Amino acid sequence: MKNIVVYSSDSNICLSLLMYLQNDYNVTTTTNLNILQSMTSNIKFDMIIIDTDPSKSIETACREIRQNDPDIPIILTYVYGHNNKLFDTNIRKYASSIFYKPFDLNEVTQELASLLV
């Protein structure tokens, strides 16, 4: 079974994704960005899902994760707004996929499957 780590600053999102994905994947969740960065540098995951508001720290985390493991798929979910247009442009070089909220969970599930082949 593939290993996925989910980061969200919202524990309810972590729990929801854990419950939704747990039948098909081993899912680890965290609400702490520093723990995410530590886990991804010490544990081999097959995918990372990041659900949070865009920020420079998220961009930095994605860059560092990508440097440690250039092939790991990273999926980002967030609410798109004009105030984060620059972030959106910059983060695309690290993300495998981006889903803007509200997103269709079936689309995300299909993308997971296609990225984890």
N, C-alpha and C. Protein backbone atom coordinates (compact mmCIF):
# COMPACT_ATOMS: atom_id res chain seq x y z
N MET A 1 0.85 -1.18 0.00
CA MET A 1 0.00 0.00 0.00
C MET A 1 0.90 1.24 0.00
N LYS A 2 0.52 2.23 -0.79
CA LYS A 2 1.29 3.47 -0.90
C LYS A 2 1.11 4.32 0.37
N ASN A 3 2.18 5.07 0.69
CA ASN A 3 2.18 5.93 1.88
C ASN A 3 2.02 7.39 1.48
N ILE A 4 1.01 8.02 2.08
CA ILE A 4 0.71 9.42 1.79
C ILE A 4 0.78 10.20 3.10
N VAL A 5 1.36 11.38 3.05
CA VAL A 5 1.31 12.28 4.20
C VAL A 5 0.45 13.47 3.81
N VAL A 6 -0.42 13.86 4.74
CA VAL A 6 -1.32 14.99 4.54
C VAL A 6 -0.98 16.05 5.57
N TYR A 7 -0.74 17.26 5.08
CA TYR A 7 -0.55 18.41 5.98
C TYR A 7 -1.69 19.38 5.75
N SER A 8 -2.29 19.81 6.85
CA SER A 8 -3.24 20.91 6.83
C SER A 8 -3.18 21.59 8.18
N SER A 9 -3.33 22.88 8.19
CA SER A 9 -3.40 23.60 9.47
C SER A 9 -4.75 23.35 10.14
N ASP A 10 -5.67 22.76 9.41
CA ASP A 10 -7.01 22.44 9.92
C ASP A 10 -7.09 20.94 10.23
N SER A 11 -7.18 20.60 11.50
CA SER A 11 -7.21 19.19 11.89
C SER A 11 -8.43 18.46 11.32
N ASN A 12 -9.52 19.17 11.09
CA ASN A 12 -10.70 18.54 10.50
C ASN A 12 -10.45 18.09 9.06
N ILE A 13 -9.68 18.86 8.32
CA ILE A 13 -9.32 18.47 6.95
C ILE A 13 -8.43 17.22 7.01
N CYS A 14 -7.47 17.22 7.93
CA CYS A 14 -6.61 16.05 8.08
C CYS A 14 -7.44 14.80 8.37
N LEU A 15 -8.34 14.92 9.31
CA LEU A 15 -9.19 13.78 9.67
C LEU A 15 -10.08 13.34 8.51
N SER A 16 -10.65 14.30 7.82
CA SER A 16 -11.52 13.97 6.68
C SER A 16 -10.75 13.23 5.59
N LEU A 17 -9.57 13.73 5.24
CA LEU A 17 -8.77 13.07 4.20
C LEU A 17 -8.28 11.70 4.67
N LEU A 18 -7.93 11.60 5.93
CA LEU A 18 -7.53 10.31 6.49
C LEU A 18 -8.65 9.30 6.34
N MET A 19 -9.84 9.68 6.75
CA MET A 19 -10.99 8.77 6.67
C MET A 19 -11.32 8.42 5.22
N TYR A 20 -11.22 9.38 4.34
CA TYR A 20 -11.57 9.16 2.93
C TYR A 20 -10.56 8.25 2.22
N LEU A 21 -9.29 8.40 2.57
CA LEU A 21 -8.23 7.70 1.83
C LEU A 21 -7.73 6.41 2.48
N GLN A 22 -8.07 6.18 3.74
CA GLN A 22 -7.45 5.10 4.50
C GLN A 22 -7.70 3.69 3.95
N ASN A 23 -8.73 3.48 3.19
CA ASN A 23 -8.97 2.15 2.64
C ASN A 23 -8.03 1.81 1.49
N ASP A 24 -7.46 2.83 0.85
CA ASP A 24 -6.61 2.60 -0.30
C ASP A 24 -5.13 2.94 -0.06
N TYR A 25 -4.86 3.72 0.98
CA TYR A 25 -3.50 4.20 1.23
C TYR A 25 -3.20 4.19 2.73
N ASN A 26 -1.91 4.09 3.06
CA ASN A 26 -1.48 4.35 4.43
C ASN A 26 -1.35 5.86 4.55
N VAL A 27 -2.12 6.47 5.41
CA VAL A 27 -2.18 7.93 5.49
C VAL A 27 -1.65 8.40 6.85
N THR A 28 -0.72 9.32 6.80
CA THR A 28 -0.20 9.99 7.98
C THR A 28 -0.60 11.45 7.87
N THR A 29 -1.03 12.04 8.97
CA THR A 29 -1.44 13.45 8.93
C THR A 29 -0.67 14.26 9.96
N THR A 30 -0.56 15.54 9.68
CA THR A 30 0.03 16.48 10.63
C THR A 30 -0.55 17.87 10.41
N THR A 31 -0.62 18.63 11.48
CA THR A 31 -1.06 20.02 11.39
C THR A 31 0.12 20.97 11.64
N ASN A 32 1.31 20.41 11.71
CA ASN A 32 2.51 21.20 12.00
C ASN A 32 3.46 21.14 10.80
N LEU A 33 3.73 22.29 10.21
CA LEU A 33 4.58 22.34 9.02
C LEU A 33 6.00 21.86 9.31
N ASN A 34 6.53 22.18 10.48
CA ASN A 34 7.88 21.73 10.83
C ASN A 34 7.94 20.20 10.92
N ILE A 35 6.90 19.60 11.46
CA ILE A 35 6.85 18.14 11.53
C ILE A 35 6.76 17.55 10.14
N LEU A 36 5.97 18.16 9.26
CA LEU A 36 5.90 17.69 7.87
C LEU A 36 7.29 17.67 7.25
N GLN A 37 8.02 18.76 7.40
CA GLN A 37 9.35 18.84 6.80
C GLN A 37 10.29 17.79 7.40
N SER A 38 10.20 17.58 8.70
CA SER A 38 11.02 16.57 9.35
C SER A 38 10.65 15.17 8.88
N MET A 39 9.36 14.89 8.83
CA MET A 39 8.90 13.56 8.39
C MET A 39 9.34 13.27 6.96
N THR A 40 9.19 14.24 6.08
CA THR A 40 9.49 13.98 4.67
C THR A 40 10.99 13.84 4.41
N SER A 41 11.81 14.34 5.33
CA SER A 41 13.25 14.15 5.14
C SER A 41 13.74 12.86 5.82
N ASN A 42 12.90 12.25 6.68
CA ASN A 42 13.32 11.05 7.40
C ASN A 42 12.53 9.79 7.04
N ILE A 43 11.38 9.95 6.42
CA ILE A 43 10.51 8.81 6.10
C ILE A 43 10.21 8.86 4.61
N LYS A 44 10.18 7.70 3.98
CA LYS A 44 9.87 7.63 2.55
C LYS A 44 8.36 7.60 2.35
N PHE A 45 7.83 8.67 1.78
CA PHE A 45 6.42 8.73 1.41
C PHE A 45 6.32 8.67 -0.10
N ASP A 46 5.15 8.21 -0.56
CA ASP A 46 4.92 8.13 -2.00
C ASP A 46 4.25 9.39 -2.55
N MET A 47 3.64 10.17 -1.64
CA MET A 47 2.96 11.40 -2.05
C MET A 47 2.78 12.31 -0.85
N ILE A 48 2.70 13.60 -1.15
CA ILE A 48 2.41 14.60 -0.12
C ILE A 48 1.21 15.42 -0.58
N ILE A 49 0.25 15.59 0.33
CA ILE A 49 -0.89 16.46 0.07
C ILE A 49 -0.80 17.61 1.07
N ILE A 50 -0.80 18.83 0.56
CA ILE A 50 -0.72 20.02 1.41
C ILE A 50 -1.97 20.84 1.19
N ASP A 51 -2.70 21.03 2.26
CA ASP A 51 -3.94 21.81 2.23
C ASP A 51 -3.78 22.97 3.21
N THR A 52 -3.54 24.15 2.68
CA THR A 52 -3.36 25.31 3.55
C THR A 52 -3.36 26.58 2.71
N ASP A 53 -3.51 27.69 3.40
CA ASP A 53 -3.45 28.97 2.71
C ASP A 53 -2.05 29.18 2.14
N PRO A 54 -1.95 29.74 0.96
CA PRO A 54 -0.65 29.99 0.35
C PRO A 54 0.20 30.92 1.20
N SER A 55 1.50 30.62 1.26
CA SER A 55 2.43 31.47 2.00
C SER A 55 3.85 31.18 1.53
N LYS A 56 4.73 32.05 1.91
CA LYS A 56 6.15 31.86 1.58
C LYS A 56 6.70 30.62 2.28
N SER A 57 6.23 30.34 3.51
CA SER A 57 6.73 29.16 4.22
C SER A 57 6.30 27.86 3.53
N ILE A 58 5.12 27.84 2.95
CA ILE A 58 4.67 26.66 2.20
C ILE A 58 5.51 26.50 0.94
N GLU A 59 5.77 27.60 0.27
CA GLU A 59 6.62 27.54 -0.93
C GLU A 59 8.01 27.02 -0.57
N THR A 60 8.57 27.50 0.54
CA THR A 60 9.88 27.05 0.99
C THR A 60 9.86 25.57 1.34
N ALA A 61 8.82 25.14 2.03
CA ALA A 61 8.69 23.72 2.40
C ALA A 61 8.63 22.85 1.15
N CYS A 62 7.84 23.25 0.17
CA CYS A 62 7.73 22.49 -1.08
C CYS A 62 9.07 22.43 -1.81
N ARG A 63 9.78 23.53 -1.82
CA ARG A 63 11.09 23.56 -2.48
C ARG A 63 12.05 22.59 -1.79
N GLU A 64 12.07 22.60 -0.45
CA GLU A 64 12.97 21.72 0.30
C GLU A 64 12.58 20.25 0.13
N ILE A 65 11.29 19.97 0.14
CA ILE A 65 10.82 18.60 -0.08
C ILE A 65 11.25 18.13 -1.47
N ARG A 66 11.07 18.98 -2.45
CA ARG A 66 11.43 18.64 -3.84
C ARG A 66 12.95 18.43 -3.96
N GLN A 67 13.76 19.21 -3.23
CA GLN A 67 15.21 19.03 -3.26
C GLN A 67 15.61 17.68 -2.67
N ASN A 68 14.91 17.27 -1.60
CA ASN A 68 15.21 15.99 -0.97
C ASN A 68 14.73 14.80 -1.79
N ASP A 69 13.63 14.96 -2.49
CA ASP A 69 13.05 13.88 -3.28
C ASP A 69 12.41 14.48 -4.54
N PRO A 70 13.19 14.62 -5.60
CA PRO A 70 12.71 15.30 -6.81
C PRO A 70 11.50 14.64 -7.48
N ASP A 71 11.27 13.36 -7.20
CA ASP A 71 10.20 12.65 -7.90
C ASP A 71 8.91 12.52 -7.10
N ILE A 72 8.89 12.95 -5.86
CA ILE A 72 7.70 12.76 -5.05
C ILE A 72 6.57 13.68 -5.52
N PRO A 73 5.40 13.13 -5.75
CA PRO A 73 4.27 13.97 -6.14
C PRO A 73 3.80 14.83 -4.96
N ILE A 74 3.57 16.09 -5.24
CA ILE A 74 3.05 17.03 -4.23
C ILE A 74 1.75 17.60 -4.78
N ILE A 75 0.68 17.41 -4.03
CA ILE A 75 -0.63 17.98 -4.40
C ILE A 75 -0.94 19.09 -3.41
N LEU A 76 -1.31 20.24 -3.94
CA LEU A 76 -1.68 21.38 -3.11
C LEU A 76 -3.16 21.68 -3.30
N THR A 77 -3.82 22.03 -2.20
CA THR A 77 -5.20 22.50 -2.27
C THR A 77 -5.30 23.79 -1.46
N TYR A 78 -5.95 24.78 -2.05
CA TYR A 78 -6.17 26.05 -1.35
C TYR A 78 -7.18 26.89 -2.10
N VAL A 79 -7.62 27.94 -1.45
CA VAL A 79 -8.55 28.88 -2.07
C VAL A 79 -7.72 29.87 -2.88
N TYR A 80 -8.01 29.95 -4.17
CA TYR A 80 -7.29 30.89 -5.02
C TYR A 80 -7.88 32.28 -4.86
N GLY A 81 -6.98 33.25 -4.78
CA GLY A 81 -7.39 34.64 -4.72
C GLY A 81 -6.37 35.51 -5.42
N HIS A 82 -6.77 36.69 -5.80
CA HIS A 82 -5.85 37.58 -6.51
C HIS A 82 -4.64 37.95 -5.65
N ASN A 83 -4.83 37.97 -4.32
CA ASN A 83 -3.72 38.34 -3.45
C ASN A 83 -2.64 37.26 -3.39
N ASN A 84 -2.92 36.04 -3.84
CA ASN A 84 -1.88 35.02 -3.85
C ASN A 84 -1.47 34.60 -5.26
N LYS A 85 -1.65 35.48 -6.19
CA LYS A 85 -1.31 35.20 -7.60
C LYS A 85 0.18 34.90 -7.77
N LEU A 86 1.03 35.67 -7.10
CA LEU A 86 2.47 35.45 -7.19
C LEU A 86 2.84 34.09 -6.60
N PHE A 87 2.26 33.77 -5.45
CA PHE A 87 2.49 32.47 -4.85
C PHE A 87 2.09 31.36 -5.81
N ASP A 88 0.93 31.49 -6.39
CA ASP A 88 0.42 30.48 -7.31
C ASP A 88 1.39 30.26 -8.45
N THR A 89 1.94 31.32 -8.98
CA THR A 89 2.91 31.21 -10.07
C THR A 89 4.19 30.53 -9.60
N ASN A 90 4.69 30.94 -8.44
CA ASN A 90 5.95 30.39 -7.93
C ASN A 90 5.85 28.93 -7.49
N ILE A 91 4.73 28.55 -6.89
CA ILE A 91 4.59 27.20 -6.32
C ILE A 91 4.42 26.14 -7.41
N ARG A 92 4.00 26.53 -8.58
CA ARG A 92 3.76 25.56 -9.66
C ARG A 92 5.01 24.78 -10.04
N LYS A 93 6.18 25.35 -9.83
CA LYS A 93 7.40 24.62 -10.19
C LYS A 93 7.70 23.47 -9.23
N TYR A 94 7.02 23.43 -8.07
CA TYR A 94 7.21 22.35 -7.10
C TYR A 94 6.03 21.40 -7.02
N ALA A 95 4.86 21.86 -7.39
CA ALA A 95 3.63 21.06 -7.24
C ALA A 95 3.41 20.18 -8.46
N SER A 96 2.94 18.97 -8.20
CA SER A 96 2.54 18.08 -9.29
C SER A 96 1.14 18.43 -9.76
N SER A 97 0.29 18.82 -8.79
CA SER A 97 -1.08 19.22 -9.09
C SER A 97 -1.54 20.23 -8.06
N ILE A 98 -2.43 21.12 -8.50
CA ILE A 98 -3.05 22.10 -7.61
C ILE A 98 -4.55 22.03 -7.82
N PHE A 99 -5.27 21.98 -6.71
CA PHE A 99 -6.73 22.00 -6.74
C PHE A 99 -7.20 23.20 -5.94
N TYR A 100 -8.01 24.02 -6.58
CA TYR A 100 -8.57 25.19 -5.90
C TYR A 100 -9.86 24.79 -5.21
N LYS A 101 -10.03 25.31 -4.02
CA LYS A 101 -11.25 25.04 -3.26
C LYS A 101 -12.37 25.93 -3.76
N PRO A 102 -13.57 25.43 -3.76
CA PRO A 102 -13.93 24.05 -3.42
C PRO A 102 -13.56 23.12 -4.56
N PHE A 103 -13.03 21.97 -4.22
CA PHE A 103 -12.63 21.01 -5.25
C PHE A 103 -13.51 19.78 -5.18
N ASP A 104 -13.50 19.04 -6.27
CA ASP A 104 -14.24 17.79 -6.36
C ASP A 104 -13.34 16.68 -5.85
N LEU A 105 -13.73 16.05 -4.76
CA LEU A 105 -12.91 15.01 -4.14
C LEU A 105 -12.68 13.83 -5.09
N ASN A 106 -13.62 13.57 -5.97
CA ASN A 106 -13.42 12.50 -6.95
C ASN A 106 -12.29 12.84 -7.92
N GLU A 107 -12.18 14.10 -8.31
CA GLU A 107 -11.08 14.53 -9.18
C GLU A 107 -9.75 14.36 -8.48
N VAL A 108 -9.71 14.73 -7.20
CA VAL A 108 -8.47 14.60 -6.43
C VAL A 108 -8.09 13.11 -6.33
N THR A 109 -9.07 12.27 -6.07
CA THR A 109 -8.82 10.83 -5.97
C THR A 109 -8.29 10.27 -7.28
N GLN A 110 -8.83 10.68 -8.39
CA GLN A 110 -8.34 10.24 -9.69
C GLN A 110 -6.90 10.70 -9.92
N GLU A 111 -6.61 11.92 -9.50
CA GLU A 111 -5.25 12.45 -9.66
C GLU A 111 -4.27 11.67 -8.78
N LEU A 112 -4.68 11.35 -7.57
CA LEU A 112 -3.84 10.52 -6.69
C LEU A 112 -3.48 9.21 -7.38
N ALA A 113 -4.49 8.56 -7.89
CA ALA A 113 -4.27 7.27 -8.54
C ALA A 113 -3.33 7.41 -9.74
N SER A 114 -3.51 8.44 -10.53
CA SER A 114 -2.66 8.59 -11.73
C SER A 114 -1.21 8.96 -11.36
N LEU A 115 -1.03 9.71 -10.29
CA LEU A 115 0.33 10.09 -9.87
C LEU A 115 1.06 8.96 -9.16
N LEU A 116 0.31 8.04 -8.60
CA LEU A 116 0.94 6.95 -7.83
C LEU A 116 1.09 5.66 -8.61
N VAL A 117 1.02 5.74 -9.91
CA VAL A 117 1.16 4.54 -10.75
C VAL A 117 2.60 4.09 -10.73
